[in-house]
Amino acid sequence: MKPKFLTPLTEKQVTPRAYQKLAQEQRGNIKSVDIVPPRLGTPDFGSLRVRFKTPILG
């Protein structure tokens, strides 16, 4: 089994549902949020690009 290496993330692209959880956990660390619209022909609602003040491990 290979070890998993964590890298610092300054931004992360998440679903709207995952953003709700992330907003509760990292409330003071969110710098900005951008809406990424869905592509034509896909059944999803798009995503959100979250930028952090302090990098998180992911």
N, C-alpha and C. Protein backbone atom coordinates (compact mmCIF):
# COMPACT_ATOMS: atom_id res chain seq x y z
N MET A 1 0.84 -1.19 0.00
CA MET A 1 0.00 0.00 0.00
C MET A 1 0.88 1.25 0.00
N LYS A 2 0.63 2.13 -0.93
CA LYS A 2 1.41 3.36 -1.03
C LYS A 2 0.95 4.37 0.00
N PRO A 3 1.89 5.15 0.55
CA PRO A 3 1.48 6.20 1.49
C PRO A 3 0.78 7.33 0.74
N LYS A 4 -0.19 7.95 1.40
CA LYS A 4 -0.90 9.08 0.80
C LYS A 4 -0.24 10.37 1.27
N PHE A 5 0.15 11.20 0.32
CA PHE A 5 0.80 12.46 0.63
C PHE A 5 -0.24 13.58 0.57
N LEU A 6 -0.27 14.38 1.60
CA LEU A 6 -1.18 15.52 1.64
C LEU A 6 -0.47 16.75 1.11
N THR A 7 -1.15 17.49 0.27
CA THR A 7 -0.57 18.70 -0.29
C THR A 7 -1.42 19.90 0.14
N PRO A 8 -0.79 21.04 0.38
CA PRO A 8 -1.56 22.21 0.76
C PRO A 8 -2.37 22.76 -0.42
N LEU A 9 -3.64 23.04 -0.18
CA LEU A 9 -4.52 23.58 -1.20
C LEU A 9 -4.89 25.02 -0.87
N THR A 10 -4.73 25.91 -1.84
CA THR A 10 -5.17 27.30 -1.64
C THR A 10 -6.56 27.51 -2.21
N GLU A 11 -7.00 26.59 -3.10
CA GLU A 11 -8.35 26.64 -3.63
C GLU A 11 -8.84 25.23 -3.91
N LYS A 12 -10.16 25.07 -3.90
CA LYS A 12 -10.75 23.76 -4.07
C LYS A 12 -12.08 23.93 -4.79
N GLN A 13 -12.37 23.04 -5.75
CA GLN A 13 -13.63 23.09 -6.48
C GLN A 13 -14.55 22.02 -5.89
N VAL A 14 -15.73 22.42 -5.43
CA VAL A 14 -16.63 21.52 -4.73
C VAL A 14 -18.05 21.64 -5.27
N THR A 15 -18.88 20.64 -4.95
CA THR A 15 -20.30 20.69 -5.30
C THR A 15 -21.01 21.61 -4.32
N PRO A 16 -22.22 22.07 -4.65
CA PRO A 16 -22.96 22.91 -3.70
C PRO A 16 -23.19 22.22 -2.35
N ARG A 17 -23.45 20.94 -2.35
CA ARG A 17 -23.67 20.20 -1.10
C ARG A 17 -22.39 20.14 -0.27
N ALA A 18 -21.26 19.88 -0.93
CA ALA A 18 -19.98 19.83 -0.21
C ALA A 18 -19.60 21.22 0.31
N TYR A 19 -20.02 22.27 -0.40
CA TYR A 19 -19.73 23.63 0.05
C TYR A 19 -20.44 23.95 1.36
N GLN A 20 -21.66 23.46 1.52
CA GLN A 20 -22.39 23.70 2.77
C GLN A 20 -21.61 23.15 3.96
N LYS A 21 -21.07 21.95 3.82
CA LYS A 21 -20.29 21.34 4.89
C LYS A 21 -18.98 22.09 5.10
N LEU A 22 -18.32 22.44 4.00
CA LEU A 22 -17.05 23.15 4.08
C LEU A 22 -17.23 24.54 4.71
N ALA A 23 -18.33 25.20 4.41
CA ALA A 23 -18.58 26.53 4.97
C ALA A 23 -18.76 26.47 6.48
N GLN A 24 -19.31 25.39 6.99
CA GLN A 24 -19.46 25.24 8.44
C GLN A 24 -18.12 24.95 9.10
N GLU A 25 -17.31 24.10 8.46
CA GLU A 25 -16.03 23.69 9.04
C GLU A 25 -14.95 24.76 8.91
N GLN A 26 -14.92 25.49 7.81
CA GLN A 26 -13.85 26.45 7.51
C GLN A 26 -14.39 27.88 7.41
N ARG A 27 -15.37 28.22 8.19
CA ARG A 27 -16.05 29.52 8.08
C ARG A 27 -15.10 30.71 8.06
N GLY A 28 -14.15 30.76 8.96
CA GLY A 28 -13.25 31.90 9.04
C GLY A 28 -12.08 31.84 8.06
N ASN A 29 -11.93 30.73 7.36
CA ASN A 29 -10.79 30.54 6.47
C ASN A 29 -11.14 30.74 5.00
N ILE A 30 -12.40 30.98 4.67
CA ILE A 30 -12.81 31.14 3.27
C ILE A 30 -12.57 32.59 2.84
N LYS A 31 -11.75 32.74 1.81
CA LYS A 31 -11.41 34.07 1.30
C LYS A 31 -12.45 34.54 0.28
N SER A 32 -12.78 33.66 -0.69
CA SER A 32 -13.77 34.01 -1.71
C SER A 32 -14.36 32.74 -2.30
N VAL A 33 -15.52 32.90 -2.96
CA VAL A 33 -16.21 31.80 -3.61
C VAL A 33 -16.65 32.26 -4.99
N ASP A 34 -16.34 31.48 -6.00
CA ASP A 34 -16.77 31.77 -7.37
C ASP A 34 -17.67 30.65 -7.85
N ILE A 35 -18.73 31.00 -8.57
CA ILE A 35 -19.64 30.01 -9.13
C ILE A 35 -19.09 29.56 -10.48
N VAL A 36 -18.98 28.24 -10.66
CA VAL A 36 -18.55 27.66 -11.92
C VAL A 36 -19.79 27.04 -12.56
N PRO A 37 -20.32 27.64 -13.64
CA PRO A 37 -21.55 27.13 -14.24
C PRO A 37 -21.35 25.75 -14.85
N PRO A 38 -22.44 24.98 -14.98
CA PRO A 38 -22.32 23.64 -15.57
C PRO A 38 -22.08 23.73 -17.07
N ARG A 39 -21.54 22.65 -17.63
CA ARG A 39 -21.37 22.58 -19.08
C ARG A 39 -22.70 22.21 -19.71
N LEU A 40 -22.90 22.64 -20.92
CA LEU A 40 -24.13 22.30 -21.63
C LEU A 40 -24.23 20.79 -21.81
N GLY A 41 -25.39 20.25 -21.54
CA GLY A 41 -25.62 18.83 -21.72
C GLY A 41 -25.32 17.98 -20.51
N THR A 42 -24.81 18.57 -19.43
CA THR A 42 -24.55 17.79 -18.22
C THR A 42 -25.72 17.96 -17.25
N PRO A 43 -26.02 16.93 -16.48
CA PRO A 43 -27.19 16.99 -15.60
C PRO A 43 -26.93 17.64 -14.24
N ASP A 44 -25.75 18.16 -13.99
CA ASP A 44 -25.45 18.72 -12.67
C ASP A 44 -25.74 20.21 -12.60
N PHE A 45 -25.51 20.80 -11.44
CA PHE A 45 -25.78 22.22 -11.22
C PHE A 45 -24.53 23.07 -11.24
N GLY A 46 -23.42 22.51 -11.69
CA GLY A 46 -22.16 23.25 -11.68
C GLY A 46 -21.43 23.02 -10.37
N SER A 47 -20.50 23.90 -10.06
CA SER A 47 -19.72 23.75 -8.84
C SER A 47 -19.32 25.12 -8.31
N LEU A 48 -18.62 25.11 -7.21
CA LEU A 48 -18.14 26.33 -6.58
C LEU A 48 -16.64 26.23 -6.39
N ARG A 49 -15.91 27.28 -6.73
CA ARG A 49 -14.47 27.33 -6.52
C ARG A 49 -14.23 28.16 -5.27
N VAL A 50 -13.71 27.51 -4.23
CA VAL A 50 -13.49 28.15 -2.94
C VAL A 50 -12.01 28.45 -2.79
N ARG A 51 -11.68 29.70 -2.45
CA ARG A 51 -10.30 30.08 -2.18
C ARG A 51 -10.16 30.30 -0.67
N PHE A 52 -9.03 29.82 -0.12
CA PHE A 52 -8.82 29.88 1.31
C PHE A 52 -7.79 30.95 1.68
N LYS A 53 -7.95 31.52 2.86
CA LYS A 53 -6.97 32.49 3.38
C LYS A 53 -5.68 31.77 3.73
N THR A 54 -5.81 30.66 4.44
CA THR A 54 -4.68 29.82 4.84
C THR A 54 -4.86 28.48 4.16
N PRO A 55 -3.84 27.93 3.49
CA PRO A 55 -3.98 26.65 2.80
C PRO A 55 -4.42 25.54 3.76
N ILE A 56 -5.22 24.61 3.20
CA ILE A 56 -5.64 23.43 3.95
C ILE A 56 -4.99 22.21 3.32
N LEU A 57 -4.89 21.12 4.06
CA LEU A 57 -4.31 19.90 3.53
C LEU A 57 -5.38 19.08 2.85
N GLY A 58 -5.06 18.60 1.66
CA GLY A 58 -6.05 17.81 0.92
C GLY A 58 -5.43 16.76 0.07
